[in-house]
N, C-alpha and C. Protein backbone atom coordinates (compact mmCIF):
# COMPACT_ATOMS: atom_id res chain seq x y z
N MET A 1 -64.35 -88.25 -128.57
CA MET A 1 -65.18 -87.08 -128.65
C MET A 1 -64.34 -85.85 -128.96
N ALA A 2 -63.20 -85.73 -128.31
CA ALA A 2 -62.36 -84.56 -128.53
C ALA A 2 -61.85 -84.50 -129.96
N VAL A 3 -61.54 -85.66 -130.52
CA VAL A 3 -61.06 -85.69 -131.90
C VAL A 3 -62.16 -85.21 -132.84
N GLY A 4 -63.39 -85.66 -132.58
CA GLY A 4 -64.50 -85.23 -133.42
C GLY A 4 -64.72 -83.73 -133.35
N LEU A 5 -64.66 -83.19 -132.14
CA LEU A 5 -64.81 -81.74 -132.00
C LEU A 5 -63.67 -80.99 -132.67
N ASP A 6 -62.47 -81.54 -132.59
CA ASP A 6 -61.33 -80.92 -133.25
C ASP A 6 -61.49 -80.94 -134.76
N ARG A 7 -62.02 -82.03 -135.30
CA ARG A 7 -62.24 -82.12 -136.75
C ARG A 7 -63.26 -81.08 -137.21
N ILE A 8 -64.29 -80.87 -136.41
CA ILE A 8 -65.29 -79.85 -136.75
C ILE A 8 -64.65 -78.46 -136.68
N TYR A 9 -63.90 -78.21 -135.62
CA TYR A 9 -63.25 -76.91 -135.44
C TYR A 9 -62.26 -76.62 -136.55
N ALA A 10 -61.51 -77.65 -136.97
CA ALA A 10 -60.51 -77.46 -138.03
C ALA A 10 -61.16 -77.33 -139.40
N GLY A 11 -62.42 -77.69 -139.50
CA GLY A 11 -63.12 -77.57 -140.77
C GLY A 11 -62.89 -78.73 -141.71
N THR A 12 -62.35 -79.84 -141.19
CA THR A 12 -62.10 -81.00 -142.05
C THR A 12 -63.32 -81.90 -142.18
N HIS A 13 -64.27 -81.79 -141.23
CA HIS A 13 -65.50 -82.60 -141.30
C HIS A 13 -66.69 -81.73 -140.92
N TRP A 14 -67.84 -82.10 -141.47
CA TRP A 14 -69.09 -81.47 -141.08
C TRP A 14 -69.56 -82.10 -139.77
N PRO A 15 -70.35 -81.37 -138.98
CA PRO A 15 -70.87 -81.95 -137.74
C PRO A 15 -71.68 -83.23 -137.97
N SER A 16 -72.38 -83.30 -139.09
CA SER A 16 -73.15 -84.51 -139.39
C SER A 16 -72.24 -85.71 -139.62
N ASP A 17 -71.05 -85.49 -140.20
CA ASP A 17 -70.10 -86.58 -140.40
C ASP A 17 -69.61 -87.13 -139.06
N VAL A 18 -69.30 -86.23 -138.15
CA VAL A 18 -68.82 -86.64 -136.83
C VAL A 18 -69.93 -87.36 -136.07
N LEU A 19 -71.14 -86.84 -136.13
CA LEU A 19 -72.27 -87.48 -135.46
C LEU A 19 -72.53 -88.86 -136.04
N ALA A 20 -72.47 -88.99 -137.35
CA ALA A 20 -72.67 -90.30 -137.98
C ALA A 20 -71.59 -91.28 -137.53
N GLY A 21 -70.36 -90.84 -137.43
CA GLY A 21 -69.28 -91.70 -136.97
C GLY A 21 -69.49 -92.16 -135.54
N ILE A 22 -69.94 -91.25 -134.69
CA ILE A 22 -70.21 -91.61 -133.30
C ILE A 22 -71.36 -92.61 -133.22
N LEU A 23 -72.41 -92.40 -134.00
CA LEU A 23 -73.55 -93.32 -133.98
C LEU A 23 -73.18 -94.70 -134.51
N ILE A 24 -72.39 -94.75 -135.56
CA ILE A 24 -71.96 -96.04 -136.11
C ILE A 24 -71.08 -96.77 -135.11
N ALA A 25 -70.16 -96.05 -134.47
CA ALA A 25 -69.29 -96.68 -133.47
C ALA A 25 -70.08 -97.19 -132.28
N THR A 26 -71.08 -96.44 -131.85
CA THR A 26 -71.92 -96.87 -130.73
C THR A 26 -72.73 -98.10 -131.10
N ALA A 27 -73.29 -98.13 -132.30
CA ALA A 27 -74.06 -99.29 -132.74
C ALA A 27 -73.18 -100.52 -132.84
N TRP A 28 -71.97 -100.35 -133.35
CA TRP A 28 -71.04 -101.49 -133.47
C TRP A 28 -70.65 -102.01 -132.09
N MET A 29 -70.40 -101.12 -131.15
CA MET A 29 -70.04 -101.53 -129.80
C MET A 29 -71.19 -102.29 -129.14
N CYS A 30 -72.42 -101.82 -129.32
CA CYS A 30 -73.58 -102.52 -128.77
C CYS A 30 -73.73 -103.90 -129.39
N PHE A 31 -73.50 -104.02 -130.68
CA PHE A 31 -73.58 -105.30 -131.37
C PHE A 31 -72.54 -106.27 -130.83
N VAL A 32 -71.30 -105.83 -130.73
CA VAL A 32 -70.22 -106.71 -130.26
C VAL A 32 -70.46 -107.14 -128.82
N LEU A 33 -70.86 -106.21 -127.97
CA LEU A 33 -71.10 -106.55 -126.57
C LEU A 33 -72.29 -107.49 -126.41
N SER A 34 -73.32 -107.33 -127.23
CA SER A 34 -74.46 -108.23 -127.13
C SER A 34 -74.10 -109.63 -127.61
N ILE A 35 -73.29 -109.74 -128.65
CA ILE A 35 -72.84 -111.06 -129.10
C ILE A 35 -71.99 -111.72 -128.02
N ARG A 36 -71.12 -110.94 -127.39
CA ARG A 36 -70.29 -111.50 -126.32
C ARG A 36 -71.16 -111.96 -125.16
N TRP A 37 -72.17 -111.18 -124.79
CA TRP A 37 -73.05 -111.54 -123.69
C TRP A 37 -73.81 -112.83 -124.01
N ILE A 38 -74.29 -112.95 -125.26
CA ILE A 38 -75.02 -114.15 -125.67
C ILE A 38 -74.12 -115.37 -125.63
N THR A 39 -72.91 -115.25 -126.17
CA THR A 39 -72.01 -116.41 -126.18
C THR A 39 -71.55 -116.77 -124.78
N ASP A 40 -71.33 -115.80 -123.92
CA ASP A 40 -70.95 -116.11 -122.54
C ASP A 40 -72.05 -116.87 -121.83
N ARG A 41 -73.28 -116.46 -122.03
CA ARG A 41 -74.40 -117.16 -121.38
C ARG A 41 -74.63 -118.54 -121.98
N ALA A 42 -74.40 -118.68 -123.27
CA ALA A 42 -74.64 -119.96 -123.94
C ALA A 42 -73.63 -121.01 -123.53
N PHE A 43 -72.38 -120.59 -123.31
CA PHE A 43 -71.33 -121.55 -123.01
C PHE A 43 -70.97 -121.62 -121.54
N ALA A 44 -71.74 -120.96 -120.70
CA ALA A 44 -71.48 -121.01 -119.26
C ALA A 44 -71.83 -122.41 -118.75
N SER A 45 -70.92 -122.98 -118.04
CA SER A 45 -71.18 -124.32 -117.51
C SER A 45 -71.79 -124.22 -116.12
N GLU A 46 -72.39 -125.30 -115.70
CA GLU A 46 -73.01 -125.32 -114.39
C GLU A 46 -71.95 -125.36 -113.29
N GLN A 47 -70.73 -125.69 -113.62
CA GLN A 47 -69.67 -125.76 -112.63
C GLN A 47 -69.29 -124.38 -112.12
N THR A 48 -69.60 -123.36 -112.84
CA THR A 48 -69.24 -122.01 -112.41
C THR A 48 -70.21 -121.46 -111.38
N GLU A 49 -71.35 -122.12 -111.19
CA GLU A 49 -72.31 -121.67 -110.21
C GLU A 49 -71.82 -122.03 -108.81
N ARG A 50 -72.25 -121.26 -107.83
CA ARG A 50 -71.88 -121.56 -106.45
C ARG A 50 -72.61 -122.80 -105.99
N PRO A 51 -71.93 -123.68 -105.29
CA PRO A 51 -72.60 -124.89 -104.81
C PRO A 51 -73.64 -124.55 -103.74
N ARG A 52 -74.71 -125.29 -103.76
CA ARG A 52 -75.75 -125.08 -102.77
C ARG A 52 -75.40 -125.89 -101.52
N VAL A 53 -75.36 -125.20 -100.41
CA VAL A 53 -74.99 -125.85 -99.16
C VAL A 53 -76.16 -125.70 -98.20
N SER A 54 -76.54 -126.82 -97.60
CA SER A 54 -77.61 -126.76 -96.61
C SER A 54 -76.99 -126.43 -95.25
N PRO A 55 -77.71 -125.71 -94.43
CA PRO A 55 -77.16 -125.35 -93.12
C PRO A 55 -76.97 -126.59 -92.25
N ALA A 56 -75.86 -126.64 -91.56
CA ALA A 56 -75.57 -127.76 -90.66
C ALA A 56 -76.18 -127.46 -89.30
N SER A 57 -77.12 -128.31 -88.88
CA SER A 57 -77.76 -128.09 -87.58
C SER A 57 -77.59 -129.29 -86.71
């Protein structure tokens, strides 16, 4: 964020350029994280679940 504000202040980029860059980066991050979440859930084995234990009475 600070770099974007500095670019606007220095006059090297328009505010719309910085906003577009932030939006593209946010969309890419959401895409990558959603793919990771999907693959983690798809390849999760049942062995990683906690074993069910009945109470000893």
